[in-house]
PDB file of N, CA and C in Angstrom:
ATOM      1  N   MET A   1       1.986   1.680 -20.948  1.00  0.00           N
ATOM      2  CA  MET A   1       2.713   2.068 -20.162  1.00  0.00           C
ATOM      3  C   MET A   1       3.826   1.370 -18.903  1.00  0.00           C
ATOM      4  N   LYS A   2       4.902   1.660 -18.943  1.00  0.00           N
ATOM      5  CA  LYS A   2       5.392   0.703 -17.636  1.00  0.00           C
ATOM      6  C   LYS A   2       5.695   1.671 -16.717  1.00  0.00           C
ATOM      7  N   ILE A   3       5.512   1.099 -15.706  1.00  0.00           N
ATOM      8  CA  ILE A   3       5.593   2.101 -14.634  1.00  0.00           C
ATOM      9  C   ILE A   3       6.601   1.972 -13.592  1.00  0.00           C
ATOM     10  N   ASN A   4       7.413   2.779 -13.285  1.00  0.00           N
ATOM     11  CA  ASN A   4       8.472   2.165 -12.235  1.00  0.00           C
ATOM     12  C   ASN A   4       7.814   3.307 -10.546  1.00  0.00           C
ATOM     13  N   TYR A   5       8.134   2.351  -9.800  1.00  0.00           N
ATOM     14  CA  TYR A   5       7.548   2.563  -8.421  1.00  0.00           C
ATOM     15  C   TYR A   5       8.741   2.733  -7.574  1.00  0.00           C
ATOM     16  N   HIS A   6      10.089   2.344  -7.767  1.00  0.00           N
ATOM     17  CA  HIS A   6      11.573   2.924  -7.267  1.00  0.00           C
ATOM     18  C   HIS A   6      11.449   4.547  -6.896  1.00  0.00           C
ATOM     19  N   ASN A   7      11.428   4.723  -5.387  1.00  0.00           N
ATOM     20  CA  ASN A   7      11.847   5.807  -4.910  1.00  0.00           C
ATOM     21  C   ASN A   7      10.574   6.615  -5.406  1.00  0.00           C
ATOM     22  N   LYS A   8       9.340   5.857  -4.529  1.00  0.00           N
ATOM     23  CA  LYS A   8       8.103   6.996  -4.803  1.00  0.00           C
ATOM     24  C   LYS A   8       7.600   7.063  -3.793  1.00  0.00           C
ATOM     25  N   THR A   9       6.808   8.140  -3.039  1.00  0.00           N
ATOM     26  CA  THR A   9       6.204   7.658  -1.795  1.00  0.00           C
ATOM     27  C   THR A   9       4.456   8.256  -2.020  1.00  0.00           C
ATOM     28  N   PHE A  10       3.752   7.394  -1.365  1.00  0.00           N
ATOM     29  CA  PHE A  10       2.624   7.538  -1.490  1.00  0.00           C
ATOM     30  C   PHE A  10       1.698   7.836  -0.367  1.00  0.00           C
ATOM     31  N   ARG A  11       1.028   8.962   0.085  1.00  0.00           N
ATOM     32  CA  ARG A  11       0.261   8.856   1.071  1.00  0.00           C
ATOM     33  C   ARG A  11      -1.548   8.290   0.805  1.00  0.00           C
ATOM     34  N   PRO A  12      -2.450   7.639   1.447  1.00  0.00           N
ATOM     35  CA  PRO A  12      -3.563   7.506   1.467  1.00  0.00           C
ATOM     36  C   PRO A  12      -4.746   8.782   1.843  1.00  0.00           C
ATOM     37  N   ILE A  13      -5.424   8.845   0.620  1.00  0.00           N
ATOM     38  CA  ILE A  13      -6.663   9.848   0.291  1.00  0.00           C
ATOM     39  C   ILE A  13      -8.221   9.067   1.038  1.00  0.00           C
ATOM     40  N   SER A  14      -8.292   7.964   0.855  1.00  0.00           N
ATOM     41  CA  SER A  14      -9.075   6.846   1.161  1.00  0.00           C
ATOM     42  C   SER A  14      -9.197   5.501   1.750  1.00  0.00           C
ATOM     43  N   VAL A  15      -9.943   5.690   2.694  1.00  0.00           N
ATOM     44  CA  VAL A  15      -9.317   4.147   2.866  1.00  0.00           C
ATOM     45  C   VAL A  15     -10.519   3.709   3.553  1.00  0.00           C
ATOM     46  N   SER A  16     -11.299   2.012   3.849  1.00  0.00           N
ATOM     47  CA  SER A  16     -12.792   1.834   4.540  1.00  0.00           C
ATOM     48  C   SER A  16     -11.955   1.755   5.811  1.00  0.00           C
ATOM     49  N   LYS A  17     -13.293   1.801   6.723  1.00  0.00           N
ATOM     50  CA  LYS A  17     -13.418   2.072   8.226  1.00  0.00           C
ATOM     51  C   LYS A  17     -12.756   1.054   8.919  1.00  0.00           C
ATOM     52  N   ASN A  18     -12.379  -0.086   8.192  1.00  0.00           N
ATOM     53  CA  ASN A  18     -11.961  -1.478   8.965  1.00  0.00           C
ATOM     54  C   ASN A  18     -10.375  -1.796   8.680  1.00  0.00           C
ATOM     55  N   GLY A  19     -10.069  -0.782   8.425  1.00  0.00           N
ATOM     56  CA  GLY A  19      -8.383  -0.534   7.883  1.00  0.00           C
ATOM     57  C   GLY A  19      -7.524   0.625   8.773  1.00  0.00           C
ATOM     58  N   GLU A  20      -6.436   0.265   9.408  1.00  0.00           N
ATOM     59  CA  GLU A  20      -5.678   0.625  10.188  1.00  0.00           C
ATOM     60  C   GLU A  20      -4.715   1.617   9.506  1.00  0.00           C
ATOM     61  N   VAL A  21      -4.798   2.112   8.310  1.00  0.00           N
ATOM     62  CA  VAL A  21      -4.098   2.787   7.379  1.00  0.00           C
ATOM     63  C   VAL A  21      -5.057   4.256   7.512  1.00  0.00           C
ATOM     64  N   SER A  22      -4.229   5.566   7.731  1.00  0.00           N
ATOM     65  CA  SER A  22      -4.590   6.918   7.707  1.00  0.00           C
ATOM     66  C   SER A  22      -3.751   7.931   6.935  1.00  0.00           C
ATOM     67  N   ASN A  23      -4.473   9.004   6.556  1.00  0.00           N
ATOM     68  CA  ASN A  23      -3.852   9.874   5.878  1.00  0.00           C
ATOM     69  C   ASN A  23      -2.441  10.809   6.725  1.00  0.00           C
ATOM     70  N   GLU A  24      -2.464   9.866   8.050  1.00  0.00           N
ATOM     71  CA  GLU A  24      -1.147   9.942   8.390  1.00  0.00           C
ATOM     72  C   GLU A  24       0.357   9.181   7.940  1.00  0.00           C
ATOM     73  N   VAL A  25      -0.027   8.244   7.530  1.00  0.00           N
ATOM     74  CA  VAL A  25       1.098   7.232   7.089  1.00  0.00           C
ATOM     75  C   VAL A  25       1.795   7.563   5.564  1.00  0.00           C
ATOM     76  N   LEU A  26       3.060   7.147   5.616  1.00  0.00           N
ATOM     77  CA  LEU A  26       3.513   7.502   4.784  1.00  0.00           C
ATOM     78  C   LEU A  26       4.574   6.190   4.370  1.00  0.00           C
ATOM     79  N   PHE A  27       4.030   6.091   2.727  1.00  0.00           N
ATOM     80  CA  PHE A  27       5.038   4.926   2.254  1.00  0.00           C
ATOM     81  C   PHE A  27       5.567   5.264   1.522  1.00  0.00           C
ATOM     82  N   LEU A  28       6.878   4.663   1.390  1.00  0.00           N
ATOM     83  CA  LEU A  28       7.902   4.732   0.376  1.00  0.00           C
ATOM     84  C   LEU A  28       8.402   3.356  -0.316  1.00  0.00           C
ATOM     85  N   TYR A  29       8.260   3.329  -1.494  1.00  0.00           N
ATOM     86  CA  TYR A  29       8.283   2.270  -2.420  1.00  0.00           C
ATOM     87  C   TYR A  29       9.941   2.313  -3.061  1.00  0.00           C
ATOM     88  N   GLN A  30      10.074   0.815  -3.224  1.00  0.00           N
ATOM     89  CA  GLN A  30      11.187   0.736  -4.144  1.00  0.00           C
ATOM     90  C   GLN A  30      10.644  -0.616  -4.649  1.00  0.00           C
ATOM     91  N   GLN A  31      11.789  -0.245  -6.055  1.00  0.00           N
ATOM     92  CA  GLN A  31      11.252  -1.361  -7.131  1.00  0.00           C
ATOM     93  C   GLN A  31      12.964  -1.995  -7.616  1.00  0.00           C
ATOM     94  N   THR A  32      12.971  -2.899  -7.632  1.00  0.00           N
ATOM     95  CA  THR A  32      14.265  -3.649  -8.247  1.00  0.00           C
ATOM     96  C   THR A  32      13.734  -4.925  -9.321  1.00  0.00           C
ATOM     97  N   GLN A  33      13.399  -4.603 -10.947  1.00  0.00           N
ATOM     98  CA  GLN A  33      12.835  -5.517 -11.503  1.00  0.00           C
ATOM     99  C   GLN A  33      11.455  -5.482 -11.849  1.00  0.00           C
ATOM    100  N   ASN A  34      10.861  -6.633 -11.086  1.00  0.00           N
ATOM    101  CA  ASN A  34       9.265  -6.460 -11.059  1.00  0.00           C
ATOM    102  C   ASN A  34       9.079  -6.840  -9.612  1.00  0.00           C
ATOM    103  N   ILE A  35       9.743  -6.417  -8.198  1.00  0.00           N
ATOM    104  CA  ILE A  35       9.701  -6.486  -6.996  1.00  0.00           C
ATOM    105  C   ILE A  35       9.561  -5.718  -6.769  1.00  0.00           C
ATOM    106  N   ILE A  36       8.543  -5.422  -5.353  1.00  0.00           N
ATOM    107  CA  ILE A  36       8.152  -3.669  -5.059  1.00  0.00           C
ATOM    108  C   ILE A  36       8.429  -4.255  -3.516  1.00  0.00           C
ATOM    109  N   SER A  37       9.163  -3.546  -2.708  1.00  0.00           N
ATOM    110  CA  SER A  37       8.717  -3.394  -1.188  1.00  0.00           C
ATOM    111  C   SER A  37       8.588  -1.947  -1.207  1.00  0.00           C
ATOM    112  N   ALA A  38       8.094  -2.021   0.194  1.00  0.00           N
ATOM    113  CA  ALA A  38       7.456  -0.629   1.124  1.00  0.00           C
ATOM    114  C   ALA A  38       7.662  -0.453   2.445  1.00  0.00           C
ATOM    115  N   ASN A  39       8.356   0.504   3.104  1.00  0.00           N
ATOM    116  CA  ASN A  39       8.209   0.517   4.073  1.00  0.00           C
ATOM    117  C   ASN A  39       7.231   1.821   4.349  1.00  0.00           C
ATOM    118  N   TYR A  40       6.543   1.345   5.775  1.00  0.00           N
ATOM    119  CA  TYR A  40       5.653   2.714   6.162  1.00  0.00           C
ATOM    120  C   TYR A  40       5.351   2.361   7.466  1.00  0.00           C
ATOM    121  N   SER A  41       4.922   3.780   8.026  1.00  0.00           N
ATOM    122  CA  SER A  41       4.520   4.089   9.712  1.00  0.00           C
ATOM    123  C   SER A  41       3.714   5.297   9.355  1.00  0.00           C
ATOM    124  N   GLY A  42       3.652   5.845  10.427  1.00  0.00           N
ATOM    125  CA  GLY A  42       2.211   6.541  10.752  1.00  0.00           C
ATOM    126  C   GLY A  42       0.957   6.613  11.142  1.00  0.00           C
ATOM    127  N   GLY A  43       0.344   7.550  11.989  1.00  0.00           N
ATOM    128  CA  GLY A  43      -0.737   6.783  12.442  1.00  0.00           C
ATOM    129  C   GLY A  43      -1.074   5.997  13.513  1.00  0.00           C
ATOM    130  N   SER A  44      -1.703   5.495  13.051  1.00  0.00           N
ATOM    131  CA  SER A  44      -1.919   4.297  14.395  1.00  0.00           C
ATOM    132  C   SER A  44      -0.672   2.740  13.883  1.00  0.00           C
ATOM    133  N   ILE A  45      -0.173   3.014  12.635  1.00  0.00           N
ATOM    134  CA  ILE A  45       1.073   1.964  12.227  1.00  0.00           C
ATOM    135  C   ILE A  45       2.227   2.341  12.945  1.00  0.00           C
ATOM    136  N   VAL A  46       3.269   1.825  13.675  1.00  0.00           N
ATOM    137  CA  VAL A  46       4.224   2.031  14.442  1.00  0.00           C
ATOM    138  C   VAL A  46       5.343   1.361  13.245  1.00  0.00           C
ATOM    139  N   GLN A  47       4.818   0.486  12.668  1.00  0.00           N
ATOM    140  CA  GLN A  47       6.118  -0.081  11.738  1.00  0.00           C
ATOM    141  C   GLN A  47       5.277  -0.996  10.855  1.00  0.00           C
ATOM    142  N   GLY A  48       5.803  -0.611   9.377  1.00  0.00           N
ATOM    143  CA  GLY A  48       5.117  -1.355   8.304  1.00  0.00           C
ATOM    144  C   GLY A  48       5.849  -1.994   7.522  1.00  0.00           C
ATOM    145  N   HIS A  49       5.721  -3.284   6.747  1.00  0.00           N
ATOM    146  CA  HIS A  49       6.391  -3.450   5.380  1.00  0.00           C
ATOM    147  C   HIS A  49       5.316  -4.019   4.328  1.00  0.00           C
ATOM    148  N   LEU A  50       5.767  -3.657   3.175  1.00  0.00           N
ATOM    149  CA  LEU A  50       4.861  -4.392   1.918  1.00  0.00           C
ATOM    150  C   LEU A  50       5.613  -5.200   1.305  1.00  0.00           C
ATOM    151  N   LEU A  51       5.561  -6.039   0.768  1.00  0.00           N
ATOM    152  CA  LEU A  51       6.323  -6.813  -0.539  1.00  0.00           C
ATOM    153  C   LEU A  51       5.698  -7.522  -1.605  1.00  0.00           C
ATOM    154  N   GLY A  52       5.639  -7.391  -2.825  1.00  0.00           N
ATOM    155  CA  GLY A  52       4.783  -7.849  -3.714  1.00  0.00           C
ATOM    156  C   GLY A  52       5.697  -8.141  -5.634  1.00  0.00           C
ATOM    157  N   LEU A  53       4.624  -8.160  -6.253  1.00  0.00           N
ATOM    158  CA  LEU A  53       5.250  -8.338  -7.347  1.00  0.00           C
ATOM    159  C   LEU A  53       4.618  -7.412  -8.171  1.00  0.00           C
ATOM    160  N   VAL A  54       5.007  -6.477  -9.231  1.00  0.00           N
ATOM    161  CA  VAL A  54       3.846  -5.750 -10.229  1.00  0.00           C
ATOM    162  C   VAL A  54       4.555  -6.098 -11.742  1.00  0.00           C
ATOM    163  N   ASP A  55       3.539  -6.292 -12.711  1.00  0.00           N
ATOM    164  CA  ASP A  55       2.842  -6.869 -13.574  1.00  0.00           C
ATOM    165  C   ASP A  55       3.014  -5.843 -14.676  1.00  0.00           C
ATOM    166  N   GLU A  56       3.170  -6.111 -16.049  1.00  0.00           N
ATOM    167  CA  GLU A  56       3.647  -5.183 -16.951  1.00  0.00           C
ATOM    168  C   GLU A  56       2.931  -3.880 -17.071  1.00  0.00           C
ATOM    169  N   ASN A  57       1.463  -3.690 -16.399  1.00  0.00           N
ATOM    170  CA  ASN A  57       0.315  -3.383 -16.267  1.00  0.00           C
ATOM    171  C   ASN A  57       0.811  -2.289 -15.425  1.00  0.00           C
ATOM    172  N   GLY A  58       1.227  -2.503 -14.401  1.00  0.00           N
ATOM    173  CA  GLY A  58       1.591  -1.705 -13.402  1.00  0.00           C
ATOM    174  C   GLY A  58       1.112  -2.179 -12.003  1.00  0.00           C
ATOM    175  N   VAL A  59       0.446  -3.504 -11.768  1.00  0.00           N
ATOM    176  CA  VAL A  59      -0.420  -3.615 -11.178  1.00  0.00           C
ATOM    177  C   VAL A  59       0.123  -4.328 -10.191  1.00  0.00           C
ATOM    178  N   ILE A  60       0.019  -3.918  -9.024  1.00  0.00           N
ATOM    179  CA  ILE A  60       0.982  -4.637  -7.441  1.00  0.00           C
ATOM    180  C   ILE A  60      -0.003  -6.007  -6.913  1.00  0.00           C
ATOM    181  N   ASN A  61       0.287  -6.874  -6.822  1.00  0.00           N
ATOM    182  CA  ASN A  61      -0.068  -7.937  -5.936  1.00  0.00           C
ATOM    183  C   ASN A  61       0.871  -7.946  -4.701  1.00  0.00           C
ATOM    184  N   MET A  62       0.840  -7.512  -3.737  1.00  0.00           N
ATOM    185  CA  MET A  62       1.232  -7.852  -2.283  1.00  0.00           C
ATOM    186  C   MET A  62       0.706  -8.138  -1.150  1.00  0.00           C
ATOM    187  N   ARG A  63       1.736  -8.535  -0.335  1.00  0.00           N
ATOM    188  CA  ARG A  63       1.619  -9.010   1.204  1.00  0.00           C
ATOM    189  C   ARG A  63       2.031  -7.763   2.149  1.00  0.00           C
ATOM    190  N   TYR A  64       1.557  -7.834   3.031  1.00  0.00           N
ATOM    191  CA  TYR A  64       1.887  -6.542   3.843  1.00  0.00           C
ATOM    192  C   TYR A  64       1.682  -7.564   5.678  1.00  0.00           C
ATOM    193  N   HIS A  65       2.677  -6.591   6.362  1.00  0.00           N
ATOM    194  CA  HIS A  65       2.188  -7.009   7.878  1.00  0.00           C
ATOM    195  C   HIS A  65       2.382  -5.466   8.777  1.00  0.00           C
ATOM    196  N   GLN A  66       2.098  -5.112   9.534  1.00  0.00           N
ATOM    197  CA  GLN A  66       2.420  -4.126  10.504  1.00  0.00           C
ATOM    198  C   GLN A  66       2.034  -4.384  11.659  1.00  0.00           C
ATOM    199  N   VAL A  67       3.161  -3.377  12.494  1.00  0.00           N
ATOM    200  CA  VAL A  67       2.936  -3.439  14.194  1.00  0.00           C
ATOM    201  C   VAL A  67       1.962  -1.896  14.511  1.00  0.00           C
ATOM    202  N   ASN A  68       0.876  -2.252  15.247  1.00  0.00           N
ATOM    203  CA  ASN A  68       0.466  -0.980  15.544  1.00  0.00           C
ATOM    204  C   ASN A  68       0.349  -0.567  17.071  1.00  0.00           C
ATOM    205  N   HIS A  69      -0.232   0.741  17.566  1.00  0.00           N
ATOM    206  CA  HIS A  69      -0.072   1.096  18.333  1.00  0.00           C
ATOM    207  C   HIS A  69      -0.439   0.141  20.099  1.00  0.00           C
ATOM    208  N   GLN A  70      -1.395  -1.014  19.723  1.00  0.00           N
ATOM    209  CA  GLN A  70      -1.574  -1.514  20.580  1.00  0.00           C
ATOM    210  C   GLN A  70      -0.485  -2.801  21.299  1.00  0.00           C
ATOM    211  N   GLY A  71       0.093  -2.633  19.790  1.00  0.00           N
ATOM    212  CA  GLY A  71       1.119  -4.076  19.502  1.00  0.00           C
ATOM    213  C   GLY A  71       1.237  -5.360  19.615  1.00  0.00           C
ATOM    214  N   GLU A  72       0.039  -5.173  18.168  1.00  0.00           N
ATOM    215  CA  GLU A  72      -0.467  -6.287  17.310  1.00  0.00           C
ATOM    216  C   GLU A  72       0.118  -6.565  16.309  1.00  0.00           C
ATOM    217  N   ILE A  73       0.746  -7.662  15.375  1.00  0.00           N
ATOM    218  CA  ILE A  73       1.132  -7.753  13.978  1.00  0.00           C
ATOM    219  C   ILE A  73      -0.404  -8.126  13.511  1.00  0.00           C
ATOM    220  N   MET A  74      -0.240  -7.704  12.634  1.00  0.00           N
ATOM    221  CA  MET A  74      -1.527  -6.802  11.463  1.00  0.00           C
ATOM    222  C   MET A  74      -1.086  -7.509  10.218  1.00  0.00           C
ATOM    223  N   THR A  75      -1.694  -8.557   9.672  1.00  0.00           N
ATOM    224  CA  THR A  75      -1.173  -9.384   7.826  1.00  0.00           C
ATOM    225  C   THR A  75      -2.398  -9.153   7.034  1.00  0.00           C
ATOM    226  N   GLY A  76      -1.845  -8.950   5.620  1.00  0.00           N
ATOM    227  CA  GLY A  76      -3.038  -9.102   4.969  1.00  0.00           C
ATOM    228  C   GLY A  76      -2.168  -9.066   2.918  1.00  0.00           C
ATOM    229  N   GLN A  77      -2.810  -8.921   2.550  1.00  0.00           N
ATOM    230  CA  GLN A  77      -3.085  -9.050   0.946  1.00  0.00           C
ATOM    231  C   GLN A  77      -3.748  -8.215   0.495  1.00  0.00           C
ATOM    232  N   CYS A  78      -3.416  -7.464  -0.572  1.00  0.00           N
ATOM    233  CA  CYS A  78      -3.360  -6.401  -1.568  1.00  0.00           C
ATOM    234  C   CYS A  78      -3.202  -6.663  -3.029  1.00  0.00           C
ATOM    235  N   ILE A  79      -3.992  -5.891  -4.035  1.00  0.00           N
ATOM    236  CA  ILE A  79      -3.960  -6.114  -5.469  1.00  0.00           C
ATOM    237  C   ILE A  79      -4.339  -4.036  -5.558  1.00  0.00           C
ATOM    238  N   SER A  80      -3.129  -3.710  -5.941  1.00  0.00           N
ATOM    239  CA  SER A  80      -2.941  -2.156  -6.396  1.00  0.00           C
ATOM    240  C   SER A  80      -3.287  -2.166  -7.535  1.00  0.00           C
ATOM    241  N   THR A  81      -4.194  -1.112  -8.459  1.00  0.00           N
ATOM    242  CA  THR A  81      -3.973  -1.019  -9.577  1.00  0.00           C
ATOM    243  C   THR A  81      -3.639   0.314  -9.759  1.00  0.00           C
ATOM    244  N   PRO A  82      -2.798   0.993 -10.942  1.00  0.00           N
ATOM    245  CA  PRO A  82      -2.107   2.017 -11.198  1.00  0.00           C
ATOM    246  C   PRO A  82      -3.121   3.049 -11.951  1.00  0.00           C
ATOM    247  N   GLU A  83      -2.593   4.527 -11.668  1.00  0.00           N
ATOM    248  CA  GLU A  83      -3.987   5.308 -12.919  1.00  0.00           C
ATOM    249  C   GLU A  83      -2.678   6.648 -12.980  1.00  0.00           C
ATOM    250  N   ILE A  84      -2.311   6.861 -13.719  1.00  0.00           N
ATOM    251  CA  ILE A  84      -1.716   8.266 -14.173  1.00  0.00           C
ATOM    252  C   ILE A  84      -2.472   9.376 -13.951  1.00  0.00           C
ATOM    253  N   MET A  85      -2.378  10.323 -13.191  1.00  0.00           N
ATOM    254  CA  MET A  85      -3.395  11.569 -13.131  1.00  0.00           C
ATOM    255  C   MET A  85      -2.627  12.290 -14.212  1.00  0.00           C
ATOM    256  N   TYR A  86      -3.423  13.581 -14.273  1.00  0.00           N
ATOM    257  CA  TYR A  86      -3.089  14.716 -15.438  1.00  0.00           C
ATOM    258  C   TYR A  86      -2.321  15.127 -14.688  1.00  0.00           C
ATOM    259  N   ASN A  87      -1.476  15.249 -13.217  1.00  0.00           N
ATOM    260  CA  ASN A  87      -0.244  15.943 -13.362  1.00  0.00           C
ATOM    261  C   ASN A  87       0.810  15.334 -12.942  1.00  0.00           C
ATOM    262  N   GLY A  88       1.118  13.770 -13.684  1.00  0.00           N
ATOM    263  CA  GLY A  88       2.161  12.204 -14.010  1.00  0.00           C
ATOM    264  C   GLY A  88       2.040  11.632 -12.550  1.00  0.00           C
ATOM    265  N   LYS A  89       1.429  12.131 -11.455  1.00  0.00           N
ATOM    266  CA  LYS A  89       1.812  11.197 -10.517  1.00  0.00           C
ATOM    267  C   LYS A  89       1.017  10.078 -10.770  1.00  0.00           C
ATOM    268  N   ILE A  90       1.178   8.821  -9.475  1.00  0.00           N
ATOM    269  CA  ILE A  90       0.883   7.938  -9.676  1.00  0.00           C
ATOM    270  C   ILE A  90      -0.413   8.015  -8.917  1.00  0.00           C
ATOM    271  N   ARG A  91      -1.812   7.437  -9.187  1.00  0.00           N
ATOM    272  CA  ARG A  91      -2.702   6.874  -7.843  1.00  0.00           C
ATOM    273  C   ARG A  91      -3.137   5.472  -7.735  1.00  0.00           C
ATOM    274  N   LEU A  92      -3.131   5.049  -6.810  1.00  0.00           N
ATOM    275  CA  LEU A  92      -2.862   3.508  -6.661  1.00  0.00           C
ATOM    276  C   LEU A  92      -4.797   3.001  -5.888  1.00  0.00           C
ATOM    277  N   TYR A  93      -5.141   1.890  -6.590  1.00  0.00           N
ATOM    278  CA  TYR A  93      -6.732   1.866  -6.463  1.00  0.00           C
ATOM    279  C   TYR A  93      -6.445   0.671  -5.417  1.00  0.00           C
ATOM    280  N   GLU A  94      -6.481   0.203  -4.646  1.00  0.00           N
ATOM    281  CA  GLU A  94      -6.195  -0.652  -3.653  1.00  0.00           C
ATOM    282  C   GLU A  94      -7.409  -1.719  -3.074  1.00  0.00           C
ATOM    283  N   GLN A  95      -7.424  -2.550  -3.422  1.00  0.00           N
ATOM    284  CA  GLN A  95      -8.514  -4.098  -2.912  1.00  0.00           C
ATOM    285  C   GLN A  95      -7.375  -4.768  -1.796  1.00  0.00           C
ATOM    286  N   TRP A  96      -7.956  -4.642  -0.779  1.00  0.00           N
ATOM    287  CA  TRP A  96      -7.154  -5.400   0.260  1.00  0.00           C
ATOM    288  C   TRP A  96      -7.819  -6.134   1.022  1.00  0.00           C
ATOM    289  N   GLN A  97      -7.186  -7.184   1.939  1.00  0.00           N
ATOM    290  CA  GLN A  97      -7.966  -8.123   3.243  1.00  0.00           C
ATOM    291  C   GLN A  97      -7.297  -8.269   3.979  1.00  0.00           C
ATOM    292  N   TRP A  98      -7.700  -8.393   5.296  1.00  0.00           N
ATOM    293  CA  TRP A  98      -6.913  -8.828   6.120  1.00  0.00           C
ATOM    294  C   TRP A  98      -6.536 -10.167   6.268  1.00  0.00           C
ATOM    295  N   THR A  99      -5.434 -10.973   6.815  1.00  0.00           N
ATOM    296  CA  THR A  99      -5.246 -12.466   6.610  1.00  0.00           C
ATOM    297  C   THR A  99      -5.003 -12.680   8.075  1.00  0.00           C
ATOM    298  N   SER A 100      -5.206 -11.745   8.974  1.00  0.00           N
ATOM    299  CA  SER A 100      -5.493 -11.801  10.469  1.00  0.00           C
ATOM    300  C   SER A 100      -6.203 -10.879  10.924  1.00  0.00           C
ATOM    301  N   GLY A 101      -6.583 -11.144  12.202  1.00  0.00           N
ATOM    302  CA  GLY A 101      -7.733 -10.072  12.843  1.00  0.00           C
ATOM    303  C   GLY A 101      -8.912 -11.044  12.506  1.00  0.00           C
ATOM    304  N   ASP A 102     -10.096  -9.775  11.997  1.00  0.00           N
ATOM    305  CA  ASP A 102     -11.355 -10.363  11.507  1.00  0.00           C
ATOM    306  C   ASP A 102     -11.593 -10.732  10.030  1.00  0.00           C
ATOM    307  N   PHE A 103     -10.619 -10.694   9.205  1.00  0.00           N
ATOM    308  CA  PHE A 103     -10.227 -11.401   7.898  1.00  0.00           C
ATOM    309  C   PHE A 103     -11.140 -10.522   6.874  1.00  0.00           C
ATOM    310  N   SER A 104     -11.650  -9.368   7.376  1.00  0.00           N
ATOM    311  CA  SER A 104     -12.612  -8.556   6.571  1.00  0.00           C
ATOM    312  C   SER A 104     -11.908  -7.938   5.349  1.00  0.00           C
ATOM    313  N   LYS A 105     -12.638  -7.024   4.355  1.00  0.00           N
ATOM    314  CA  LYS A 105     -11.785  -6.895   3.487  1.00  0.00           C
ATOM    315  C   LYS A 105     -12.205  -5.143   3.058  1.00  0.00           C
ATOM    316  N   GLY A 106     -11.336  -4.791   2.226  1.00  0.00           N
ATOM    317  CA  GLY A 106     -11.293  -3.121   2.211  1.00  0.00           C
ATOM    318  C   GLY A 106     -11.135  -2.202   0.705  1.00  0.00           C
ATOM    319  N   THR A 107     -11.007  -1.285   0.803  1.00  0.00           N
ATOM    320  CA  THR A 107     -10.545  -0.707  -0.204  1.00  0.00           C
ATOM    321  C   THR A 107      -9.784   0.646   0.424  1.00  0.00           C
ATOM    322  N   SER A 108      -8.591   1.153  -0.317  1.00  0.00           N
ATOM    323  CA  SER A 108      -7.714   2.537  -0.288  1.00  0.00           C
ATOM    324  C   SER A 108      -7.552   3.134  -1.803  1.00  0.00           C
ATOM    325  N   ILE A 109      -7.134   3.820  -1.750  1.00  0.00           N
ATOM    326  CA  ILE A 109      -6.746   4.824  -2.711  1.00  0.00           C
ATOM    327  C   ILE A 109      -5.410   5.405  -1.862  1.00  0.00           C
ATOM    328  N   LEU A 110      -4.329   5.296  -2.706  1.00  0.00           N
ATOM    329  CA  LEU A 110      -3.341   6.178  -2.105  1.00  0.00           C
ATOM    330  C   LEU A 110      -2.765   6.775  -3.462  1.00  0.00           C
ATOM    331  N   GLU A 111      -2.520   8.507  -3.467  1.00  0.00           N
ATOM    332  CA  GLU A 111      -1.645   9.122  -4.115  1.00  0.00           C
ATOM    333  C   GLU A 111      -0.209   9.249  -3.523  1.00  0.00           C
ATOM    334  N   GLU A 112       0.845   9.757  -4.582  1.00  0.00           N
ATOM    335  CA  GLU A 112       2.116   9.619  -4.903  1.00  0.00           C
ATOM    336  C   GLU A 112       2.291  11.599  -4.493  1.00  0.00           C
ATOM    337  N   ILE A 113       2.974  11.566  -3.842  1.00  0.00           N
ATOM    338  CA  ILE A 113       3.242  12.741  -3.228  1.00  0.00           C
ATOM    339  C   ILE A 113       4.880  13.202  -3.479  1.00  0.00           C
TER     340      ILE A 113
END
């Protein structure tokens, strides 16, 4: 099934302790062909942006950068794998890694709102 992320909003429901994202963060996705972008903010994140490519199965390979309330620029990479829930909304299972700071890895789950 082809997934279109254009104009969809997501909120985290689960995040590793080493992440900066919380359930206060909102991600607004845009899609043009197979290119995904999103702006996000909330919680400890003043402003963030992601850019990625989506494959034919809806899997997103992305890079992100964000500024936190400590004034730090943080960067990372992420693979998001979608699941269509019973209500038709999208849930994203994310495997990510910081490319700045401690370079640690983590997981997140986001749901479309």
